[in-house]
C-alpha atoms as a PDB file:
ATOM      1  CA  MET A   1       0.030  -0.008   0.442  1.00  0.00           C
ATOM      2  CA  PRO A   2       1.581   3.041  -1.192  1.00  0.00           C
ATOM      3  CA  GLY A   3       2.276   5.934   2.173  1.00  0.00           C
ATOM      4  CA  HIS A   4       0.858   8.949   2.563  1.00  0.00           C
ATOM      5  CA  ASP A   5       1.406  12.837   2.884  1.00  0.00           C
ATOM      6  CA  VAL A   6       0.728  14.199   6.795  1.00  0.00           C
ATOM      7  CA  LEU A   7       1.910  16.727   8.384  1.00  0.00           C
ATOM      8  CA  PHE A   8       2.495  17.553  11.531  1.00  0.00           C
ATOM      9  CA  VAL A   9       2.478  20.869  13.716  1.00  0.00           C
ATOM     10  CA  ILE A  10       6.293  21.255  15.019  1.00  0.00           C
ATOM     11  CA  ASP A  11       8.455  23.276  16.968  1.00  0.00           C
ATOM     12  CA  PRO A  12      11.636  24.253  15.374  1.00  0.00           C
ATOM     13  CA  LEU A  13      13.395  20.881  14.409  1.00  0.00           C
ATOM     14  CA  GLU A  14      16.240  22.557  16.583  1.00  0.00           C
ATOM     15  CA  LEU A  15      13.731  21.362  19.808  1.00  0.00           C
ATOM     16  CA  LEU A  16      13.172  17.591  18.640  1.00  0.00           C
ATOM     17  CA  ASN A  17      15.600  15.254  20.600  1.00  0.00           C
ATOM     18  CA  PRO A  18      15.929  12.300  19.149  1.00  0.00           C
ATOM     19  CA  LYS A  19      16.796  11.126  22.735  1.00  0.00           C
ATOM     20  CA  ALA A  20      13.582  11.896  24.058  1.00  0.00           C
ATOM     21  CA  ASP A  21      10.764  13.200  22.575  1.00  0.00           C
ATOM     22  CA  SER A  22       8.344  11.950  21.722  1.00  0.00           C
ATOM     23  CA  SER A  23       7.331  13.441  18.256  1.00  0.00           C
ATOM     24  CA  TYR A  24      11.158  12.553  17.129  1.00  0.00           C
ATOM     25  CA  VAL A  25      10.106   9.039  16.940  1.00  0.00           C
ATOM     26  CA  MET A  26       6.400   9.788  15.674  1.00  0.00           C
ATOM     27  CA  ILE A  27       8.078  11.564  12.217  1.00  0.00           C
ATOM     28  CA  THR A  28      11.153   8.461  11.832  1.00  0.00           C
ATOM     29  CA  GLU A  29       8.421   5.631  12.317  1.00  0.00           C
ATOM     30  CA  ALA A  30       6.647   7.488   9.228  1.00  0.00           C
ATOM     31  CA  LEU A  31       9.569   7.553   7.558  1.00  0.00           C
ATOM     32  CA  ARG A  32      10.187   3.486   8.153  1.00  0.00           C
ATOM     33  CA  ARG A  33       7.197   3.151   6.850  1.00  0.00           C
ATOM     34  CA  GLY A  34       7.208   4.568   3.865  1.00  0.00           C
ATOM     35  CA  HIS A  35       4.673   7.877   4.175  1.00  0.00           C
ATOM     36  CA  ARG A  36       6.474  11.164   4.005  1.00  0.00           C
ATOM     37  CA  PRO A  37       6.207  13.276   6.510  1.00  0.00           C
ATOM     38  CA  PHE A  38       5.849  17.276   6.157  1.00  0.00           C
ATOM     39  CA  GLY A  39       6.336  19.954   9.061  1.00  0.00           C
ATOM     40  CA  VAL A  40       5.363  23.153   9.751  1.00  0.00           C
ATOM     41  CA  GLU A  41       5.761  25.277  12.399  1.00  0.00           C
ATOM     42  CA  LEU A  42       2.856  28.267  13.106  1.00  0.00           C
ATOM     43  CA  ARG A  43       3.204  30.595  11.405  1.00  0.00           C
ATOM     44  CA  GLY A  44       3.390  28.983   9.112  1.00  0.00           C
ATOM     45  CA  LEU A  45      -0.602  28.438   9.123  1.00  0.00           C
ATOM     46  CA  ALA A  46      -3.140  29.878   7.179  1.00  0.00           C
ATOM     47  CA  LEU A  47      -6.145  31.000   5.853  1.00  0.00           C
ATOM     48  CA  ASP A  48      -7.519  32.176   2.533  1.00  0.00           C
ATOM     49  CA  GLY A  49     -10.912  32.304   2.952  1.00  0.00           C
ATOM     50  CA  LYS A  50     -12.223  29.376   4.618  1.00  0.00           C
ATOM     51  CA  THR A  51      -8.804  27.241   3.474  1.00  0.00           C
ATOM     52  CA  PRO A  52      -7.162  26.318   5.997  1.00  0.00           C
ATOM     53  CA  GLN A  53      -3.013  25.964   4.348  1.00  0.00           C
ATOM     54  CA  ALA A  54       0.455  25.820   5.732  1.00  0.00           C
ATOM     55  CA  HIS A  55       3.902  26.287   4.680  1.00  0.00           C
ATOM     56  CA  ALA A  56       5.194  23.039   4.678  1.00  0.00           C
ATOM     57  CA  ARG A  57       8.551  21.806   4.840  1.00  0.00           C
ATOM     58  CA  PRO A  58       9.601  17.732   3.918  1.00  0.00           C
ATOM     59  CA  LEU A  59      11.028  16.939   6.210  1.00  0.00           C
ATOM     60  CA  ALA A  60      14.333  13.571   6.230  1.00  0.00           C
ATOM     61  CA  LEU A  61      16.700  11.879   8.522  1.00  0.00           C
ATOM     62  CA  PRO A  62      19.913  11.528   7.089  1.00  0.00           C
ATOM     63  CA  GLY A  63      21.400   8.967   9.782  1.00  0.00           C
ATOM     64  CA  GLU A  64      19.754   6.637  12.281  1.00  0.00           C
ATOM     65  CA  GLY A  65      19.128   8.556  16.062  1.00  0.00           C
ATOM     66  CA  GLN A  66      20.284  11.368  13.607  1.00  0.00           C
ATOM     67  CA  PRO A  67      18.444  15.142  14.536  1.00  0.00           C
ATOM     68  CA  LEU A  68      16.410  15.123  11.447  1.00  0.00           C
ATOM     69  CA  VAL A  69      16.760  18.152   8.407  1.00  0.00           C
ATOM     70  CA  TRP A  70      14.417  19.547   6.371  1.00  0.00           C
ATOM     71  CA  GLY A  71      14.905  17.477   3.216  1.00  0.00           C
ATOM     72  CA  GLY A  72      13.633  20.319   0.945  1.00  0.00           C
ATOM     73  CA  GLU A  73      12.429  23.932   0.210  1.00  0.00           C
ATOM     74  CA  ALA A  74       8.300  24.960   1.571  1.00  0.00           C
ATOM     75  CA  GLN A  75       5.122  24.520  -0.327  1.00  0.00           C
ATOM     76  CA  ARG A  76       2.531  25.993   0.164  1.00  0.00           C
ATOM     77  CA  ARG A  77      -0.261  23.251   0.396  1.00  0.00           C
ATOM     78  CA  SER A  78      -4.026  23.020   2.105  1.00  0.00           C
ATOM     79  CA  LEU A  79      -4.309  20.783   4.570  1.00  0.00           C
ATOM     80  CA  ALA A  80      -6.556  19.165   2.639  1.00  0.00           C
ATOM     81  CA  SER A  81      -3.767  17.561   0.535  1.00  0.00           C
ATOM     82  CA  PHE A  82      -2.837  15.390   3.329  1.00  0.00           C
ATOM     83  CA  ALA A  83      -4.404  12.251   4.861  1.00  0.00           C
ATOM     84  CA  ALA A  84      -3.703  13.394   8.346  1.00  0.00           C
ATOM     85  CA  VAL A  85      -2.282  16.198  10.440  1.00  0.00           C
ATOM     86  CA  PHE A  86      -1.074  16.211  13.623  1.00  0.00           C
ATOM     87  CA  MET A  87      -0.772  19.046  16.037  1.00  0.00           C
ATOM     88  CA  ARG A  88       2.341  18.105  18.533  1.00  0.00           C
ATOM     89  CA  LYS A  89       2.937  21.381  19.013  1.00  0.00           C
ATOM     90  CA  ASP A  90       4.285  21.627  22.633  1.00  0.00           C
ATOM     91  CA  PRO A  91       2.731  23.725  25.490  1.00  0.00           C
ATOM     92  CA  PRO A  92       2.027  26.400  25.636  1.00  0.00           C
ATOM     93  CA  PHE A  93      -1.185  27.057  25.353  1.00  0.00           C
ATOM     94  CA  ASP A  94      -1.039  30.551  24.281  1.00  0.00           C
ATOM     95  CA  ASP A  95      -3.246  33.261  21.567  1.00  0.00           C
ATOM     96  CA  ASP A  96      -0.613  31.465  18.405  1.00  0.00           C
ATOM     97  CA  TYR A  97      -1.601  27.835  19.717  1.00  0.00           C
ATOM     98  CA  LEU A  98      -5.473  28.668  20.169  1.00  0.00           C
ATOM     99  CA  THR A  99      -5.403  30.415  16.910  1.00  0.00           C
ATOM    100  CA  ALA A 100      -3.672  27.462  15.246  1.00  0.00           C
ATOM    101  CA  THR A 101      -6.559  25.285  16.803  1.00  0.00           C
ATOM    102  CA  TRP A 102      -9.311  27.812  14.827  1.00  0.00           C
ATOM    103  CA  ILE A 103      -6.836  27.124  11.904  1.00  0.00           C
ATOM    104  CA  LEU A 104      -7.656  23.693  12.160  1.00  0.00           C
ATOM    105  CA  GLU A 105     -11.372  23.937  12.358  1.00  0.00           C
ATOM    106  CA  TYR A 106     -11.798  24.666   8.610  1.00  0.00           C
ATOM    107  CA  ALA A 107      -9.404  21.034   7.593  1.00  0.00           C
ATOM    108  CA  ARG A 108     -13.040  18.948   9.245  1.00  0.00           C
ATOM    109  CA  GLY A 109     -13.879  16.124   7.118  1.00  0.00           C
ATOM    110  CA  THR A 110     -11.254  16.688   4.665  1.00  0.00           C
ATOM    111  CA  THR A 111      -8.388  15.171   6.303  1.00  0.00           C
ATOM    112  CA  GLN A 112      -7.939  13.315   9.669  1.00  0.00           C
ATOM    113  CA  LEU A 113      -7.000  15.121  12.917  1.00  0.00           C
ATOM    114  CA  PHE A 114      -4.972  14.138  15.485  1.00  0.00           C
ATOM    115  CA  ASN A 115      -5.643  15.713  17.998  1.00  0.00           C
ATOM    116  CA  ASP A 116      -9.488  17.203  17.260  1.00  0.00           C
ATOM    117  CA  PRO A 117      -8.966  20.983  17.825  1.00  0.00           C
ATOM    118  CA  ALA A 118     -12.041  21.260  19.678  1.00  0.00           C
ATOM    119  CA  GLY A 119     -11.173  18.561  21.688  1.00  0.00           C
ATOM    120  CA  LEU A 120      -8.090  20.239  22.425  1.00  0.00           C
ATOM    121  CA  ARG A 121      -9.489  24.058  23.696  1.00  0.00           C
ATOM    122  CA  GLU A 122     -12.399  21.913  25.288  1.00  0.00           C
ATOM    123  CA  LEU A 123      -9.747  19.342  27.798  1.00  0.00           C
ATOM    124  CA  ASN A 124      -7.458  21.487  29.930  1.00  0.00           C
ATOM    125  CA  GLU A 125      -5.286  19.280  31.019  1.00  0.00           C
ATOM    126  CA  LYS A 126      -5.368  20.388  34.791  1.00  0.00           C
ATOM    127  CA  LEU A 127      -8.963  20.790  34.677  1.00  0.00           C
ATOM    128  CA  SER A 128     -10.922  17.851  32.963  1.00  0.00           C
ATOM    129  CA  ILE A 129     -10.238  15.181  35.672  1.00  0.00           C
ATOM    130  CA  LEU A 130     -12.809  17.250  37.018  1.00  0.00           C
ATOM    131  CA  ARG A 131     -15.396  14.612  35.031  1.00  0.00           C
ATOM    132  CA  PHE A 132     -14.159  11.902  37.273  1.00  0.00           C
ATOM    133  CA  GLU A 133     -14.877  12.952  40.433  1.00  0.00           C
ATOM    134  CA  ASP A 134     -14.075   9.616  42.213  1.00  0.00           C
ATOM    135  CA  LEU A 135     -10.839   9.311  40.533  1.00  0.00           C
ATOM    136  CA  ILE A 136      -8.850  12.100  41.836  1.00  0.00           C
ATOM    137  CA  PRO A 137      -7.430  14.131  43.961  1.00  0.00           C
ATOM    138  CA  ASP A 138      -9.534  17.334  46.011  1.00  0.00           C
ATOM    139  CA  THR A 139      -8.896  19.706  43.086  1.00  0.00           C
ATOM    140  CA  ARG A 140     -10.044  23.079  43.026  1.00  0.00           C
ATOM    141  CA  LEU A 141      -9.846  26.365  40.494  1.00  0.00           C
ATOM    142  CA  LEU A 142      -9.733  29.097  43.011  1.00  0.00           C
ATOM    143  CA  ARG A 143      -8.161  32.393  43.003  1.00  0.00           C
ATOM    144  CA  GLU A 144      -9.364  34.381  45.744  1.00  0.00           C
ATOM    145  CA  GLU A 145      -6.550  34.014  48.814  1.00  0.00           C
ATOM    146  CA  SER A 146      -9.076  33.112  51.463  1.00  0.00           C
ATOM    147  CA  ASP A 147     -10.256  30.016  49.505  1.00  0.00           C
ATOM    148  CA  LEU A 148      -6.969  28.932  49.124  1.00  0.00           C
ATOM    149  CA  ARG A 149      -6.660  29.066  52.807  1.00  0.00           C
ATOM    150  CA  ALA A 150     -10.246  28.087  53.140  1.00  0.00           C
ATOM    151  CA  ALA A 151      -9.483  24.880  50.633  1.00  0.00           C
ATOM    152  CA  LEU A 152      -6.006  24.404  52.801  1.00  0.00           C
ATOM    153  CA  VAL A 153      -7.629  24.007  54.871  1.00  0.00           C
ATOM    154  CA  ASP A 154     -10.159  20.749  54.185  1.00  0.00           C
ATOM    155  CA  MET A 155      -6.516  19.141  51.578  1.00  0.00           C
ATOM    156  CA  GLY A 156      -5.258  18.626  55.870  1.00  0.00           C
ATOM    157  CA  GLY A 157      -2.781  21.175  56.016  1.00  0.00           C
ATOM    158  CA  LYS A 158      -0.735  20.638  52.581  1.00  0.00           C
ATOM    159  CA  MET A 159      -1.729  20.505  49.020  1.00  0.00           C
ATOM    160  CA  ILE A 160      -0.474  22.105  45.878  1.00  0.00           C
ATOM    161  CA  VAL A 161      -1.312  24.465  43.256  1.00  0.00           C
ATOM    162  CA  LYS A 162      -0.268  25.503  39.625  1.00  0.00           C
ATOM    163  CA  PRO A 163      -1.435  27.700  36.553  1.00  0.00           C
ATOM    164  CA  VAL A 164      -4.093  26.261  34.378  1.00  0.00           C
ATOM    165  CA  PHE A 165      -1.809  26.579  31.979  1.00  0.00           C
ATOM    166  CA  GLY A 166       1.495  25.051  32.655  1.00  0.00           C
ATOM    167  CA  PHE A 167       3.592  22.747  31.925  1.00  0.00           C
ATOM    168  CA  GLY A 168       6.526  20.886  31.849  1.00  0.00           C
ATOM    169  CA  GLY A 169       6.639  21.083  35.790  1.00  0.00           C
ATOM    170  CA  ARG A 170       6.772  24.469  36.042  1.00  0.00           C
ATOM    171  CA  GLU A 171       5.561  27.052  38.562  1.00  0.00           C
ATOM    172  CA  ILE A 172       4.622  24.040  40.506  1.00  0.00           C
ATOM    173  CA  LEU A 173       4.548  24.984  44.339  1.00  0.00           C
ATOM    174  CA  GLN A 174       3.709  23.161  47.810  1.00  0.00           C
ATOM    175  CA  ALA A 175       1.388  24.663  49.697  1.00  0.00           C
ATOM    176  CA  ARG A 176       1.579  23.734  53.922  1.00  0.00           C
ATOM    177  CA  ASP A 177      -0.034  24.840  56.878  1.00  0.00           C
ATOM    178  CA  GLY A 178       2.144  26.897  58.587  1.00  0.00           C
ATOM    179  CA  ASP A 179       4.644  27.930  56.447  1.00  0.00           C
ATOM    180  CA  PRO A 180       5.400  31.620  57.269  1.00  0.00           C
ATOM    181  CA  ASN A 181       5.550  32.001  53.356  1.00  0.00           C
ATOM    182  CA  LEU A 182       2.051  30.757  52.927  1.00  0.00           C
ATOM    183  CA  GLY A 183       1.079  34.594  51.893  1.00  0.00           C
ATOM    184  CA  SER A 184       3.801  35.218  49.412  1.00  0.00           C
ATOM    185  CA  ILE A 185       3.220  31.291  47.426  1.00  0.00           C
ATOM    186  CA  PHE A 186      -0.608  32.505  46.925  1.00  0.00           C
ATOM    187  CA  GLU A 187       0.724  35.629  45.800  1.00  0.00           C
ATOM    188  CA  LEU A 188       2.602  34.396  43.149  1.00  0.00           C
ATOM    189  CA  ALA A 189       0.470  31.056  42.040  1.00  0.00           C
ATOM    190  CA  THR A 190      -2.206  33.916  41.505  1.00  0.00           C
ATOM    191  CA  HIS A 191      -0.268  36.961  40.343  1.00  0.00           C
ATOM    192  CA  GLU A 192      -1.259  38.560  43.398  1.00  0.00           C
ATOM    193  CA  GLY A 193      -5.230  37.340  42.050  1.00  0.00           C
ATOM    194  CA  LYS A 194      -4.888  38.445  38.333  1.00  0.00           C
ATOM    195  CA  ARG A 195      -4.704  34.399  37.511  1.00  0.00           C
ATOM    196  CA  PHE A 196      -6.789  31.391  38.268  1.00  0.00           C
ATOM    197  CA  THR A 197      -5.117  28.629  40.398  1.00  0.00           C
ATOM    198  CA  VAL A 198      -5.439  24.702  40.449  1.00  0.00           C
ATOM    199  CA  ALA A 199      -4.908  24.173  44.100  1.00  0.00           C
ATOM    200  CA  GLN A 200      -4.774  19.866  44.624  1.00  0.00           C
ATOM    201  CA  ALA A 201      -4.692  18.244  46.829  1.00  0.00           C
ATOM    202  CA  PHE A 202      -1.067  17.072  48.195  1.00  0.00           C
ATOM    203  CA  ILE A 203      -0.744  13.448  47.923  1.00  0.00           C
ATOM    204  CA  GLU A 204       1.893  11.517  50.001  1.00  0.00           C
ATOM    205  CA  LYS A 205       3.151   9.031  47.496  1.00  0.00           C
ATOM    206  CA  ALA A 206       3.904  11.626  45.147  1.00  0.00           C
ATOM    207  CA  SER A 207       7.593  10.835  46.074  1.00  0.00           C
ATOM    208  CA  GLU A 208       7.697   7.514  44.552  1.00  0.00           C
ATOM    209  CA  GLY A 209       6.718   9.309  41.016  1.00  0.00           C
ATOM    210  CA  ASP A 210       4.481  10.010  38.874  1.00  0.00           C
ATOM    211  CA  LYS A 211       3.102   7.200  36.485  1.00  0.00           C
ATOM    212  CA  ARG A 212       2.716   8.298  32.479  1.00  0.00           C
ATOM    213  CA  ILE A 213       0.005   5.989  30.571  1.00  0.00           C
ATOM    214  CA  LEU A 214      -0.033   6.619  27.316  1.00  0.00           C
ATOM    215  CA  MET A 215      -3.151   6.627  25.206  1.00  0.00           C
ATOM    216  CA  VAL A 216      -3.989   5.681  22.003  1.00  0.00           C
ATOM    217  CA  ASP A 217      -7.603   6.050  20.749  1.00  0.00           C
ATOM    218  CA  GLY A 218      -8.910   5.438  24.702  1.00  0.00           C
ATOM    219  CA  GLU A 219      -7.025   2.305  24.832  1.00  0.00           C
ATOM    220  CA  ALA A 220      -3.290   2.412  26.757  1.00  0.00           C
ATOM    221  CA  ILE A 221      -0.462   1.663  25.624  1.00  0.00           C
ATOM    222  CA  GLY A 222       2.317   1.630  27.950  1.00  0.00           C
ATOM    223  CA  ALA A 223       3.187   3.022  31.002  1.00  0.00           C
ATOM    224  CA  VAL A 224       6.851   4.872  32.488  1.00  0.00           C
ATOM    225  CA  LEU A 225       6.685   6.391  36.086  1.00  0.00           C
ATOM    226  CA  ARG A 226       8.521   9.606  36.896  1.00  0.00           C
ATOM    227  CA  VAL A 227      10.616   9.626  39.842  1.00  0.00           C
ATOM    228  CA  PRO A 228      11.859  13.162  41.757  1.00  0.00           C
ATOM    229  CA  ALA A 229      15.330  14.147  41.758  1.00  0.00           C
ATOM    230  CA  ARG A 230      16.631  14.051  45.604  1.00  0.00           C
ATOM    231  CA  GLY A 231      14.845  17.421  46.839  1.00  0.00           C
ATOM    232  CA  GLU A 232      12.637  18.273  44.021  1.00  0.00           C
ATOM    233  CA  LEU A 233       8.703  18.100  44.576  1.00  0.00           C
ATOM    234  CA  ARG A 234       7.928  17.640  41.257  1.00  0.00           C
ATOM    235  CA  ASN A 235       8.251  15.009  38.847  1.00  0.00           C
ATOM    236  CA  ASN A 236       8.540  15.883  34.978  1.00  0.00           C
ATOM    237  CA  PHE A 237      11.025  14.980  32.678  1.00  0.00           C
ATOM    238  CA  HIS A 238      11.890  18.854  31.945  1.00  0.00           C
ATOM    239  CA  ALA A 239      12.058  19.151  35.888  1.00  0.00           C
ATOM    240  CA  GLY A 240      14.939  16.276  36.062  1.00  0.00           C
ATOM    241  CA  GLY A 241      12.465  13.683  36.972  1.00  0.00           C
ATOM    242  CA  SER A 242      13.989   9.690  35.814  1.00  0.00           C
ATOM    243  CA  PRO A 243      12.350   7.683  34.000  1.00  0.00           C
ATOM    244  CA  ALA A 244      11.620   3.642  35.658  1.00  0.00           C
ATOM    245  CA  LEU A 245      10.003   1.011  34.706  1.00  0.00           C
ATOM    246  CA  THR A 246       6.374   0.664  35.758  1.00  0.00           C
ATOM    247  CA  GLU A 247       2.823  -1.710  34.499  1.00  0.00           C
ATOM    248  CA  LEU A 248      -0.564  -0.628  35.030  1.00  0.00           C
ATOM    249  CA  ASP A 249      -1.940  -2.121  38.062  1.00  0.00           C
ATOM    250  CA  GLU A 250      -5.992  -2.470  38.372  1.00  0.00           C
ATOM    251  CA  ARG A 251      -6.343   0.677  40.074  1.00  0.00           C
ATOM    252  CA  ASP A 252      -4.292   2.171  36.533  1.00  0.00           C
ATOM    253  CA  GLN A 253      -6.649   0.416  34.311  1.00  0.00           C
ATOM    254  CA  GLU A 254      -9.832   0.925  35.841  1.00  0.00           C
ATOM    255  CA  ILE A 255      -8.910   5.253  34.920  1.00  0.00           C
ATOM    256  CA  CYS A 256      -8.264   4.236  31.560  1.00  0.00           C
ATOM    257  CA  ALA A 257     -11.050   1.972  30.997  1.00  0.00           C
ATOM    258  CA  ARG A 258     -12.874   5.443  32.586  1.00  0.00           C
ATOM    259  CA  VAL A 259     -10.913   7.585  30.654  1.00  0.00           C
ATOM    260  CA  GLY A 260     -10.484   5.851  27.930  1.00  0.00           C
ATOM    261  CA  PRO A 261     -13.938   7.089  25.987  1.00  0.00           C
ATOM    262  CA  TYR A 262     -14.029  10.191  27.074  1.00  0.00           C
ATOM    263  CA  LEU A 263     -10.403  10.907  25.273  1.00  0.00           C
ATOM    264  CA  VAL A 264     -12.273   9.610  21.907  1.00  0.00           C
ATOM    265  CA  GLN A 265     -15.406  11.315  22.475  1.00  0.00           C
ATOM    266  CA  HIS A 266     -13.645  14.157  22.562  1.00  0.00           C
ATOM    267  CA  GLY A 267     -11.093  13.325  19.602  1.00  0.00           C
ATOM    268  CA  GLN A 268      -8.162  13.237  21.198  1.00  0.00           C
ATOM    269  CA  PHE A 269      -5.870   9.966  19.720  1.00  0.00           C
ATOM    270  CA  PHE A 270      -2.811  10.788  21.467  1.00  0.00           C
ATOM    271  CA  ALA A 271      -3.002  11.557  25.131  1.00  0.00           C
ATOM    272  CA  GLY A 272      -0.986  11.066  28.518  1.00  0.00           C
ATOM    273  CA  LEU A 273      -3.195  10.349  31.612  1.00  0.00           C
ATOM    274  CA  ASP A 274      -0.675  11.427  34.831  1.00  0.00           C
ATOM    275  CA  VAL A 275      -1.869   9.236  37.833  1.00  0.00           C
ATOM    276  CA  ILE A 276      -0.180   9.349  41.553  1.00  0.00           C
ATOM    277  CA  GLY A 277      -0.701   6.909  44.139  1.00  0.00           C
ATOM    278  CA  GLY A 278      -3.450   5.486  41.889  1.00  0.00           C
ATOM    279  CA  TYR A 279      -5.009   8.958  41.880  1.00  0.00           C
ATOM    280  CA  LEU A 280      -5.307  10.347  38.275  1.00  0.00           C
ATOM    281  CA  THR A 281      -3.915  14.049  38.509  1.00  0.00           C
ATOM    282  CA  GLU A 282      -3.844  15.280  34.759  1.00  0.00           C
ATOM    283  CA  ILE A 283      -4.793  14.487  31.290  1.00  0.00           C
ATOM    284  CA  ASN A 284      -2.123  15.594  28.795  1.00  0.00           C
ATOM    285  CA  VAL A 285      -3.643  16.532  25.426  1.00  0.00           C
ATOM    286  CA  THR A 286      -1.475  19.051  24.003  1.00  0.00           C
ATOM    287  CA  SER A 287       1.404  17.164  23.401  1.00  0.00           C
ATOM    288  CA  PRO A 288       2.573  14.648  25.241  1.00  0.00           C
ATOM    289  CA  THR A 289       5.569  12.296  25.508  1.00  0.00           C
ATOM    290  CA  GLY A 290       6.368   9.153  27.280  1.00  0.00           C
ATOM    291  CA  MET A 291       7.168   7.118  24.021  1.00  0.00           C
ATOM    292  CA  GLN A 292      11.736   6.699  23.755  1.00  0.00           C
ATOM    293  CA  GLU A 293      11.324   6.369  27.455  1.00  0.00           C
ATOM    294  CA  ILE A 294       8.797   3.619  27.634  1.00  0.00           C
ATOM    295  CA  ASN A 295      10.697   1.881  24.572  1.00  0.00           C
ATOM    296  CA  ARG A 296      14.262   1.686  26.157  1.00  0.00           C
ATOM    297  CA  LEU A 297      13.055   0.774  29.972  1.00  0.00           C
ATOM    298  CA  HIS A 298      10.959  -2.421  28.422  1.00  0.00           C
ATOM    299  CA  GLY A 299      13.901  -3.134  25.435  1.00  0.00           C
ATOM    300  CA  LEU A 300      10.703  -2.358  23.055  1.00  0.00           C
ATOM    301  CA  GLU A 301      12.175  -2.466  19.128  1.00  0.00           C
ATOM    302  CA  GLY A 302       9.904  -3.084  15.640  1.00  0.00           C
ATOM    303  CA  ALA A 303       6.936  -3.352  15.795  1.00  0.00           C
ATOM    304  CA  GLU A 304       6.375  -3.486  19.726  1.00  0.00           C
ATOM    305  CA  THR A 305       7.343   0.041  20.595  1.00  0.00           C
ATOM    306  CA  MET A 306       5.009   2.586  20.989  1.00  0.00           C
ATOM    307  CA  GLN A 307       5.637   5.194  17.634  1.00  0.00           C
ATOM    308  CA  ALA A 308       4.895   1.771  16.121  1.00  0.00           C
ATOM    309  CA  LYS A 309       1.339   1.132  17.821  1.00  0.00           C
ATOM    310  CA  PHE A 310       0.828   4.780  17.624  1.00  0.00           C
ATOM    311  CA  TRP A 311       0.846   4.574  13.525  1.00  0.00           C
ATOM    312  CA  ASP A 312      -0.651   1.235  13.193  1.00  0.00           C
ATOM    313  CA  ALA A 313      -3.701   2.883  14.951  1.00  0.00           C
ATOM    314  CA  VAL A 314      -3.324   5.744  12.057  1.00  0.00           C
ATOM    315  CA  VAL A 315      -3.353   3.833   9.227  1.00  0.00           C
ATOM    316  CA  LYS A 316      -6.337   2.668  10.571  1.00  0.00           C
ATOM    317  CA  LYS A 317      -8.244   5.960  10.443  1.00  0.00           C
ATOM    318  CA  ILE A 318      -6.825   6.847   7.810  1.00  0.00           C
ATOM    319  CA  ASP A 319      -7.168   3.946   5.607  1.00  0.00           C
ATOM    320  CA  ALA A 320     -10.948   3.074   7.051  1.00  0.00           C
ATOM    321  CA  PRO A 321     -13.991   3.791   4.475  1.00  0.00           C
END
């Protein structure tokens, strides 16, 4: 079967780490299968009336494990000319990101969209977990200091505050009863009352790490434990967390079974669930990572890799009648 032209909306190529980035192995797997991947940064997207277009450039791999390079000059093409468009721009979810999802909306029905732009707007990564009250720790969206102090009492004197649009572990703070810096922490979290913050009950097992579960088309395909560095609150890889082997237990499977249909309903084909101590803490949909860490820890090769399973599911969508 002939390969497909596919488009990746991505960050600059120099930011795609060949040893860590999931987008990197998605693209290299596309090349291995004979597809023709193209790339475009947000600034290369456009609307010509109602026709979404991209200044797309072919992607190439000069050698095994080498950084991706551009394989030719940019071509202005309609998104409809691609079999699939993958939104893999890393956060932040800012004005440019939001505008890009509006552009992608105009491609609906003309190509496959991974992930669906409407779902990207609807499913905030910190707040969409509230749909599953029995699976999550006490989680609130607050802005007034008095509300934050009341929440701290309700949560037993220890909680996490984090930005609604945060990513990569940035600006995650721990609030504790009796901390003389508590007022300052709340000022930092809310930018002195100018923005909302997410307050979430502290989970004591957080020091053991959090489990990143990768979901493809509503099904779990693999997981990795992200263990925080010594003395560090955050376990994100961007914040120095290290990967460790893990398996899905019964609670994880329950969470996946509940959240999977919700992701499918909202067109979130590829997602990363964060689970700490048996609690769902985030649903990551913008640009989840973890593929390469899972591959290495489990020694996965060929058809067993995360990117292979991802592409198996993608092709089913593309080739479906």
